[in-house]
Amino acid sequence: MSTPTIDLAVFDMAGTTVDEGLRVYRVLAETARAHGANPTDADINHWHGSAKQEALRALLTDKRGVAPEPDRLADVVADFRRRLQAAYTEHPPTVLPGVNGALIRLRDAGIKVVLNTGFDHGTVQLLLSALGWEDDIAVDGVVCGTDVPHGRPAPFMIFRAMELAGVTDRSRVLVAGDTPRDLEAGVNAGVGYVVGVLSGAGTAQELGSHRHTHLLHSVADIPALVSATPLELTR
């Protein structure tokens, strides 16, 4: 790999680096319905890439705009976590093809890799263990939506990832994800690369309608990309 044009790659998890069969969104809908909501597919799609606590708060907010009380929301989030863990136990997530090789190439080139996700830390630790990514073997850190005041599309998870990695130049940061919220967060953070990947929830048409620098088939294509010159944001 030639001299890289980035110092930090910030990758989403589900659908970007991890294949979990989109079960997180099915469990999100199942949990919301179990607690009195009736979300449509469009309602669930709107929350792709979001912090799950934020999504559940919104899905359970009634027609008058009254959100669930904190104690009730905590119970709902705990129920979501239990249901998701059960789903992952029955159908264990796997690393998407080519991702492990890409992580090795990036880190061998001196590029830090931080994951960001709408999952909570408990769920993330289960995933990292199942994937063999625990103990900083494959990545340099993980930022969860619960670590910051607001999840995507706010840029705060990306800024936290930069802090963890000790990177200050936003132009040398790459953000990649499979949802519009991932792209919006990258744009809001002002990073040099905003990459949509087609390995998860988002289609080329959907991701292409949001500002980005690149659309790629998967994270496996990123090591080659960052040996080239970044492009301007496009719509």
C-alpha atoms as a PDB file:
ATOM      1  CA  MET A   1       0.000   0.000   0.000  1.00  0.00           C
ATOM      2  CA  SER A   2       1.414   3.398  -0.979  1.00  0.00           C
ATOM      3  CA  THR A   3       1.490   6.400   1.334  1.00  0.00           C
ATOM      4  CA  PRO A   4      -2.081   6.754   2.658  1.00  0.00           C
ATOM      5  CA  THR A   5      -4.087   9.961   2.378  1.00  0.00           C
ATOM      6  CA  ILE A   6      -5.792   9.423   5.744  1.00  0.00           C
ATOM      7  CA  ASP A   7      -4.794   8.967   9.375  1.00  0.00           C
ATOM      8  CA  LEU A   8      -8.101   7.577  10.642  1.00  0.00           C
ATOM      9  CA  ALA A   9     -10.905   5.416   9.263  1.00  0.00           C
ATOM     10  CA  VAL A  10     -14.211   5.497  11.157  1.00  0.00           C
ATOM     11  CA  PHE A  11     -16.447   2.578  10.235  1.00  0.00           C
ATOM     12  CA  ASP A  12     -20.029   1.781  11.121  1.00  0.00           C
ATOM     13  CA  MET A  13     -20.670  -1.766  12.348  1.00  0.00           C
ATOM     14  CA  ALA A  14     -23.951  -3.433  11.239  1.00  0.00           C
ATOM     15  CA  GLY A  15     -24.095  -3.543   7.452  1.00  0.00           C
ATOM     16  CA  THR A  16     -20.682  -1.922   7.012  1.00  0.00           C
ATOM     17  CA  THR A  17     -18.159  -4.168   8.734  1.00  0.00           C
ATOM     18  CA  VAL A  18     -20.520  -6.749  10.229  1.00  0.00           C
ATOM     19  CA  ASP A  19     -23.151  -8.907   8.539  1.00  0.00           C
ATOM     20  CA  GLU A  20     -25.973  -9.415  11.017  1.00  0.00           C
ATOM     21  CA  GLY A  21     -28.734  -9.949   8.480  1.00  0.00           C
ATOM     22  CA  LEU A  22     -30.425  -6.608   9.310  1.00  0.00           C
ATOM     23  CA  ARG A  23     -31.764  -8.295  12.447  1.00  0.00           C
ATOM     24  CA  VAL A  24     -31.206  -5.140  14.479  1.00  0.00           C
ATOM     25  CA  TYR A  25     -33.987  -3.379  12.564  1.00  0.00           C
ATOM     26  CA  ARG A  26     -36.380  -6.305  12.831  1.00  0.00           C
ATOM     27  CA  VAL A  27     -35.744  -6.413  16.582  1.00  0.00           C
ATOM     28  CA  LEU A  28     -36.194  -2.644  16.790  1.00  0.00           C
ATOM     29  CA  ALA A  29     -39.653  -2.954  15.203  1.00  0.00           C
ATOM     30  CA  GLU A  30     -40.514  -5.992  17.336  1.00  0.00           C
ATOM     31  CA  THR A  31     -39.549  -4.185  20.537  1.00  0.00           C
ATOM     32  CA  ALA A  32     -41.492  -1.041  19.642  1.00  0.00           C
ATOM     33  CA  ARG A  33     -44.615  -3.100  18.908  1.00  0.00           C
ATOM     34  CA  ALA A  34     -44.246  -5.049  22.144  1.00  0.00           C
ATOM     35  CA  HIS A  35     -44.390  -1.745  24.035  1.00  0.00           C
ATOM     36  CA  GLY A  36     -47.428  -0.254  22.320  1.00  0.00           C
ATOM     37  CA  ALA A  37     -46.144   1.374  19.134  1.00  0.00           C
ATOM     38  CA  ASN A  38     -47.129   0.390  15.601  1.00  0.00           C
ATOM     39  CA  PRO A  39     -44.216   1.420  13.367  1.00  0.00           C
ATOM     40  CA  THR A  40     -44.379   1.004   9.604  1.00  0.00           C
ATOM     41  CA  ASP A  41     -41.434  -0.188   7.537  1.00  0.00           C
ATOM     42  CA  ALA A  42     -40.840   3.439   6.590  1.00  0.00           C
ATOM     43  CA  ASP A  43     -40.740   4.403  10.269  1.00  0.00           C
ATOM     44  CA  ILE A  44     -38.044   1.801  10.928  1.00  0.00           C
ATOM     45  CA  ASN A  45     -36.106   2.710   7.786  1.00  0.00           C
ATOM     46  CA  HIS A  46     -35.999   6.321   8.956  1.00  0.00           C
ATOM     47  CA  TRP A  47     -33.935   5.214  11.953  1.00  0.00           C
ATOM     48  CA  HIS A  48     -31.329   3.209  10.045  1.00  0.00           C
ATOM     49  CA  GLY A  49     -27.921   4.098  11.448  1.00  0.00           C
ATOM     50  CA  SER A  50     -29.311   5.841  14.512  1.00  0.00           C
ATOM     51  CA  ALA A  51     -28.581   5.377  18.196  1.00  0.00           C
ATOM     52  CA  LYS A  52     -31.100   2.738  19.213  1.00  0.00           C
ATOM     53  CA  GLN A  53     -32.150   4.527  22.389  1.00  0.00           C
ATOM     54  CA  GLU A  54     -32.963   7.636  20.341  1.00  0.00           C
ATOM     55  CA  ALA A  55     -34.906   5.516  17.848  1.00  0.00           C
ATOM     56  CA  LEU A  56     -36.955   3.799  20.547  1.00  0.00           C
ATOM     57  CA  ARG A  57     -37.724   7.115  22.254  1.00  0.00           C
ATOM     58  CA  ALA A  58     -39.036   8.510  18.969  1.00  0.00           C
ATOM     59  CA  LEU A  59     -40.986   5.370  18.030  1.00  0.00           C
ATOM     60  CA  LEU A  60     -42.718   5.336  21.419  1.00  0.00           C
ATOM     61  CA  THR A  61     -43.526   9.050  21.444  1.00  0.00           C
ATOM     62  CA  ASP A  62     -47.313   9.350  21.187  1.00  0.00           C
ATOM     63  CA  LYS A  63     -49.351  11.411  18.736  1.00  0.00           C
ATOM     64  CA  ARG A  64     -49.426  14.312  21.189  1.00  0.00           C
ATOM     65  CA  GLY A  65     -45.635  14.412  21.134  1.00  0.00           C
ATOM     66  CA  VAL A  66     -45.256  12.981  24.642  1.00  0.00           C
ATOM     67  CA  ALA A  67     -42.108  10.860  24.913  1.00  0.00           C
ATOM     68  CA  PRO A  68     -41.866   7.870  27.273  1.00  0.00           C
ATOM     69  CA  GLU A  69     -40.701   8.573  30.815  1.00  0.00           C
ATOM     70  CA  PRO A  70     -37.005   7.840  31.434  1.00  0.00           C
ATOM     71  CA  ASP A  71     -37.711   4.776  33.581  1.00  0.00           C
ATOM     72  CA  ARG A  72     -40.052   3.307  30.972  1.00  0.00           C
ATOM     73  CA  LEU A  73     -37.560   4.022  28.188  1.00  0.00           C
ATOM     74  CA  ALA A  74     -34.790   2.323  30.173  1.00  0.00           C
ATOM     75  CA  ASP A  75     -36.984  -0.785  30.470  1.00  0.00           C
ATOM     76  CA  VAL A  76     -37.708  -0.718  26.732  1.00  0.00           C
ATOM     77  CA  VAL A  77     -34.023  -0.361  25.875  1.00  0.00           C
ATOM     78  CA  ALA A  78     -33.177  -3.265  28.181  1.00  0.00           C
ATOM     79  CA  ASP A  79     -35.861  -5.359  26.470  1.00  0.00           C
ATOM     80  CA  PHE A  80     -34.445  -4.423  23.057  1.00  0.00           C
ATOM     81  CA  ARG A  81     -30.988  -5.491  24.204  1.00  0.00           C
ATOM     82  CA  ARG A  82     -32.283  -8.866  25.441  1.00  0.00           C
ATOM     83  CA  ARG A  83     -34.168  -9.514  22.209  1.00  0.00           C
ATOM     84  CA  LEU A  84     -31.173  -8.557  20.086  1.00  0.00           C
ATOM     85  CA  GLN A  85     -28.805 -10.732  22.079  1.00  0.00           C
ATOM     86  CA  ALA A  86     -31.207 -13.657  21.648  1.00  0.00           C
ATOM     87  CA  ALA A  87     -31.380 -13.020  17.912  1.00  0.00           C
ATOM     88  CA  TYR A  88     -27.592 -12.871  17.665  1.00  0.00           C
ATOM     89  CA  THR A  89     -27.242 -16.058  19.710  1.00  0.00           C
ATOM     90  CA  GLU A  90     -29.548 -17.865  17.290  1.00  0.00           C
ATOM     91  CA  HIS A  91     -27.965 -16.293  14.200  1.00  0.00           C
ATOM     92  CA  PRO A  92     -24.426 -15.144  15.069  1.00  0.00           C
ATOM     93  CA  PRO A  93     -23.172 -12.100  13.135  1.00  0.00           C
ATOM     94  CA  THR A  94     -20.126 -12.518  10.911  1.00  0.00           C
ATOM     95  CA  VAL A  95     -17.487 -10.221   9.478  1.00  0.00           C
ATOM     96  CA  LEU A  96     -18.414  -9.058   5.987  1.00  0.00           C
ATOM     97  CA  PRO A  97     -16.217 -10.479   3.186  1.00  0.00           C
ATOM     98  CA  GLY A  98     -12.913  -8.704   2.775  1.00  0.00           C
ATOM     99  CA  VAL A  99     -13.252  -6.591   5.913  1.00  0.00           C
ATOM    100  CA  ASN A 100     -10.624  -8.367   8.029  1.00  0.00           C
ATOM    101  CA  GLY A 101      -8.091  -8.033   5.221  1.00  0.00           C
ATOM    102  CA  ALA A 102      -8.941  -4.350   4.825  1.00  0.00           C
ATOM    103  CA  LEU A 103      -8.495  -3.702   8.546  1.00  0.00           C
ATOM    104  CA  ILE A 104      -5.095  -5.410   8.490  1.00  0.00           C
ATOM    105  CA  ARG A 105      -3.951  -3.398   5.463  1.00  0.00           C
ATOM    106  CA  LEU A 106      -5.101  -0.100   6.950  1.00  0.00           C
ATOM    107  CA  ARG A 107      -3.501  -0.665  10.324  1.00  0.00           C
ATOM    108  CA  ASP A 108      -0.284  -1.992   8.759  1.00  0.00           C
ATOM    109  CA  ALA A 109      -0.142   1.317   6.872  1.00  0.00           C
ATOM    110  CA  GLY A 110      -0.327   3.217  10.164  1.00  0.00           C
ATOM    111  CA  ILE A 111      -3.989   4.194   9.797  1.00  0.00           C
ATOM    112  CA  LYS A 112      -6.066   4.079  12.975  1.00  0.00           C
ATOM    113  CA  VAL A 113      -9.434   2.311  12.758  1.00  0.00           C
ATOM    114  CA  VAL A 114     -12.303   3.185  15.096  1.00  0.00           C
ATOM    115  CA  LEU A 115     -15.804   1.731  14.926  1.00  0.00           C
ATOM    116  CA  ASN A 116     -18.866   3.849  15.626  1.00  0.00           C
ATOM    117  CA  THR A 117     -22.302   2.410  16.180  1.00  0.00           C
ATOM    118  CA  GLY A 118     -25.803   2.934  17.462  1.00  0.00           C
ATOM    119  CA  PHE A 119     -25.377  -0.137  19.668  1.00  0.00           C
ATOM    120  CA  ASP A 120     -24.713   0.172  23.398  1.00  0.00           C
ATOM    121  CA  HIS A 121     -21.411  -1.036  24.856  1.00  0.00           C
ATOM    122  CA  GLY A 122     -22.858  -4.287  26.188  1.00  0.00           C
ATOM    123  CA  THR A 123     -24.029  -5.350  22.733  1.00  0.00           C
ATOM    124  CA  VAL A 124     -20.784  -4.162  21.159  1.00  0.00           C
ATOM    125  CA  GLN A 125     -18.685  -6.303  23.498  1.00  0.00           C
ATOM    126  CA  LEU A 126     -20.715  -9.377  22.570  1.00  0.00           C
ATOM    127  CA  LEU A 127     -20.206  -8.597  18.894  1.00  0.00           C
ATOM    128  CA  LEU A 128     -16.478  -7.953  19.235  1.00  0.00           C
ATOM    129  CA  SER A 129     -16.001 -11.215  21.114  1.00  0.00           C
ATOM    130  CA  ALA A 130     -18.017 -13.199  18.569  1.00  0.00           C
ATOM    131  CA  LEU A 131     -16.041 -11.658  15.707  1.00  0.00           C
ATOM    132  CA  GLY A 132     -12.633 -12.076  17.338  1.00  0.00           C
ATOM    133  CA  TRP A 133     -12.128  -8.324  17.473  1.00  0.00           C
ATOM    134  CA  GLU A 134     -11.841  -7.911  21.233  1.00  0.00           C
ATOM    135  CA  ASP A 135      -8.770  -6.549  23.054  1.00  0.00           C
ATOM    136  CA  ASP A 136      -7.964  -4.046  20.287  1.00  0.00           C
ATOM    137  CA  ILE A 137      -6.792  -6.856  18.011  1.00  0.00           C
ATOM    138  CA  ALA A 138      -8.542  -5.527  14.914  1.00  0.00           C
ATOM    139  CA  VAL A 139      -9.524  -1.957  15.787  1.00  0.00           C
ATOM    140  CA  ASP A 140      -8.256   0.940  17.856  1.00  0.00           C
ATOM    141  CA  GLY A 141     -11.503   1.751  19.604  1.00  0.00           C
ATOM    142  CA  VAL A 142     -15.288   1.829  19.530  1.00  0.00           C
ATOM    143  CA  VAL A 143     -17.627   4.789  19.997  1.00  0.00           C
ATOM    144  CA  CYS A 144     -21.292   4.148  20.835  1.00  0.00           C
ATOM    145  CA  GLY A 145     -24.255   6.461  20.470  1.00  0.00           C
ATOM    146  CA  THR A 146     -24.579   6.493  24.257  1.00  0.00           C
ATOM    147  CA  ASP A 147     -21.080   8.020  24.540  1.00  0.00           C
ATOM    148  CA  VAL A 148     -22.162  11.347  23.062  1.00  0.00           C
ATOM    149  CA  PRO A 149     -25.023  13.844  23.513  1.00  0.00           C
ATOM    150  CA  HIS A 150     -26.591  12.970  20.137  1.00  0.00           C
ATOM    151  CA  GLY A 151     -26.050  10.125  17.689  1.00  0.00           C
ATOM    152  CA  ARG A 152     -25.992  10.349  13.897  1.00  0.00           C
ATOM    153  CA  PRO A 153     -26.483  12.518  11.921  1.00  0.00           C
ATOM    154  CA  ALA A 154     -24.749  14.645  14.546  1.00  0.00           C
ATOM    155  CA  PRO A 155     -20.947  14.525  14.110  1.00  0.00           C
ATOM    156  CA  PHE A 156     -20.132  13.843  17.746  1.00  0.00           C
ATOM    157  CA  MET A 157     -19.289  10.132  17.421  1.00  0.00           C
ATOM    158  CA  ILE A 158     -16.781  10.996  14.704  1.00  0.00           C
ATOM    159  CA  PHE A 159     -15.223  13.705  16.841  1.00  0.00           C
ATOM    160  CA  ARG A 160     -14.988  11.245  19.735  1.00  0.00           C
ATOM    161  CA  ALA A 161     -13.301   8.730  17.413  1.00  0.00           C
ATOM    162  CA  MET A 162     -10.775  11.404  16.419  1.00  0.00           C
ATOM    163  CA  GLU A 163     -10.126  12.099  20.084  1.00  0.00           C
ATOM    164  CA  LEU A 164      -9.551   8.394  20.805  1.00  0.00           C
ATOM    165  CA  ALA A 165      -7.176   8.106  17.865  1.00  0.00           C
ATOM    166  CA  GLY A 166      -5.326  11.340  18.560  1.00  0.00           C
ATOM    167  CA  VAL A 167      -6.173  12.704  15.101  1.00  0.00           C
ATOM    168  CA  THR A 168      -6.891  16.429  14.661  1.00  0.00           C
ATOM    169  CA  ASP A 169      -6.900  16.981  10.879  1.00  0.00           C
ATOM    170  CA  ARG A 170     -10.453  16.315   9.655  1.00  0.00           C
ATOM    171  CA  SER A 171      -9.283  16.279   6.042  1.00  0.00           C
ATOM    172  CA  ARG A 172      -7.344  13.102   6.842  1.00  0.00           C
ATOM    173  CA  VAL A 173     -10.328  11.251   8.274  1.00  0.00           C
ATOM    174  CA  LEU A 174     -12.515   8.786   6.371  1.00  0.00           C
ATOM    175  CA  VAL A 175     -16.041   7.907   7.470  1.00  0.00           C
ATOM    176  CA  ALA A 176     -17.815   4.911   5.921  1.00  0.00           C
ATOM    177  CA  GLY A 177     -21.283   3.495   6.447  1.00  0.00           C
ATOM    178  CA  ASP A 178     -24.272   1.885   4.777  1.00  0.00           C
ATOM    179  CA  THR A 179     -26.984   4.407   5.696  1.00  0.00           C
ATOM    180  CA  PRO A 180     -27.778   8.047   4.889  1.00  0.00           C
ATOM    181  CA  ARG A 181     -27.196   8.935   8.541  1.00  0.00           C
ATOM    182  CA  ASP A 182     -23.611   7.699   8.261  1.00  0.00           C
ATOM    183  CA  LEU A 183     -23.053  10.001   5.279  1.00  0.00           C
ATOM    184  CA  GLU A 184     -24.809  12.930   6.945  1.00  0.00           C
ATOM    185  CA  ALA A 185     -22.645  12.532  10.047  1.00  0.00           C
ATOM    186  CA  GLY A 186     -19.506  12.515   7.913  1.00  0.00           C
ATOM    187  CA  VAL A 187     -20.592  15.658   6.071  1.00  0.00           C
ATOM    188  CA  ASN A 188     -21.500  17.368   9.339  1.00  0.00           C
ATOM    189  CA  ALA A 189     -18.075  16.464  10.741  1.00  0.00           C
ATOM    190  CA  GLY A 190     -16.345  17.984   7.705  1.00  0.00           C
ATOM    191  CA  VAL A 191     -14.105  14.968   7.065  1.00  0.00           C
ATOM    192  CA  GLY A 192     -12.104  14.401   3.888  1.00  0.00           C
ATOM    193  CA  TYR A 193     -13.777  11.171   2.823  1.00  0.00           C
ATOM    194  CA  VAL A 194     -17.494  10.417   3.190  1.00  0.00           C
ATOM    195  CA  VAL A 195     -17.972   6.907   1.834  1.00  0.00           C
ATOM    196  CA  GLY A 196     -21.209   5.022   1.314  1.00  0.00           C
ATOM    197  CA  VAL A 197     -20.893   1.236   1.136  1.00  0.00           C
ATOM    198  CA  LEU A 198     -23.464  -1.017  -0.520  1.00  0.00           C
ATOM    199  CA  SER A 199     -23.005  -3.988   1.802  1.00  0.00           C
ATOM    200  CA  GLY A 200     -25.899  -3.205   4.129  1.00  0.00           C
ATOM    201  CA  ALA A 201     -29.201  -1.368   4.390  1.00  0.00           C
ATOM    202  CA  GLY A 202     -28.689   1.440   1.880  1.00  0.00           C
ATOM    203  CA  THR A 203     -29.069   1.146  -1.892  1.00  0.00           C
ATOM    204  CA  ALA A 204     -26.947   2.989  -4.445  1.00  0.00           C
ATOM    205  CA  GLN A 205     -29.919   5.216  -5.269  1.00  0.00           C
ATOM    206  CA  GLU A 206     -30.605   6.009  -1.611  1.00  0.00           C
ATOM    207  CA  LEU A 207     -26.994   6.698  -0.654  1.00  0.00           C
ATOM    208  CA  GLY A 208     -26.309   8.478  -3.922  1.00  0.00           C
ATOM    209  CA  SER A 209     -28.974  11.054  -3.136  1.00  0.00           C
ATOM    210  CA  HIS A 210     -26.965  12.253  -0.120  1.00  0.00           C
ATOM    211  CA  ARG A 211     -23.697  14.161  -0.131  1.00  0.00           C
ATOM    212  CA  HIS A 212     -20.663  11.886  -0.315  1.00  0.00           C
ATOM    213  CA  THR A 213     -17.214  11.590  -1.818  1.00  0.00           C
ATOM    214  CA  HIS A 214     -17.423   7.939  -2.862  1.00  0.00           C
ATOM    215  CA  LEU A 215     -19.810   4.994  -3.168  1.00  0.00           C
ATOM    216  CA  LEU A 216     -18.117   1.594  -2.904  1.00  0.00           C
ATOM    217  CA  HIS A 217     -19.262  -2.000  -2.864  1.00  0.00           C
ATOM    218  CA  SER A 218     -17.712  -2.612   0.553  1.00  0.00           C
ATOM    219  CA  VAL A 219     -15.085  -1.678   3.119  1.00  0.00           C
ATOM    220  CA  ALA A 220     -12.808  -4.140   1.319  1.00  0.00           C
ATOM    221  CA  ASP A 221     -12.350  -1.469  -1.388  1.00  0.00           C
ATOM    222  CA  ILE A 222     -11.149   1.243   0.994  1.00  0.00           C
ATOM    223  CA  PRO A 223      -7.404   0.421   1.259  1.00  0.00           C
ATOM    224  CA  ALA A 224      -7.056   0.967  -2.493  1.00  0.00           C
ATOM    225  CA  LEU A 225      -9.149   4.132  -2.313  1.00  0.00           C
ATOM    226  CA  VAL A 226      -7.011   5.872   0.299  1.00  0.00           C
ATOM    227  CA  SER A 227      -3.916   5.479  -1.829  1.00  0.00           C
ATOM    228  CA  ALA A 228      -5.509   7.940  -4.277  1.00  0.00           C
ATOM    229  CA  THR A 229      -6.549  11.585  -4.073  1.00  0.00           C
ATOM    230  CA  PRO A 230      -9.898  12.299  -2.375  1.00  0.00           C
ATOM    231  CA  LEU A 231     -12.696  13.806  -4.443  1.00  0.00           C
ATOM    232  CA  GLU A 232     -15.009  16.692  -3.661  1.00  0.00           C
ATOM    233  CA  LEU A 233     -18.350  16.004  -2.034  1.00  0.00           C
ATOM    234  CA  THR A 234     -21.101  15.226  -4.551  1.00  0.00           C
ATOM    235  CA  ARG A 235     -24.844  14.961  -4.314  1.00  0.00           C
END
